[in-house]
Amino acid sequence: MDIKLFGIAGDIVGKTTLSLPASDTAGINNVAALKAYLYKTYPKLGELTSMAIAVNKSYAREDTSLEPMDEIALIPPVSGG
């Protein structure tokens, strides 16, 4: 499972793409499970006030199912004027 990381999410993890080995993704079958895994592995991600997850270029809900070949992106909060 490959995850694209944007903005501060990439800064926290230290890379712009995160590849999770199949052994780590066995129980990750929806967005909620992915968030739980990421927050456990990278606790600083859990400190963000909000973070959207996109699956196959569409914003995803917690119950959105995940497949190994899905395109996943973490989109942290942004600000600007």
Foldseek 3Di string as FASTA:
>chain_A
DKEAEDDVRCVQVVHGIDDDDPVLCVPPFFQLSVVVSCCVVRVVVVVAPDKFKDWQNHTDDRGHTDDPPIYIYIGGDDDDD
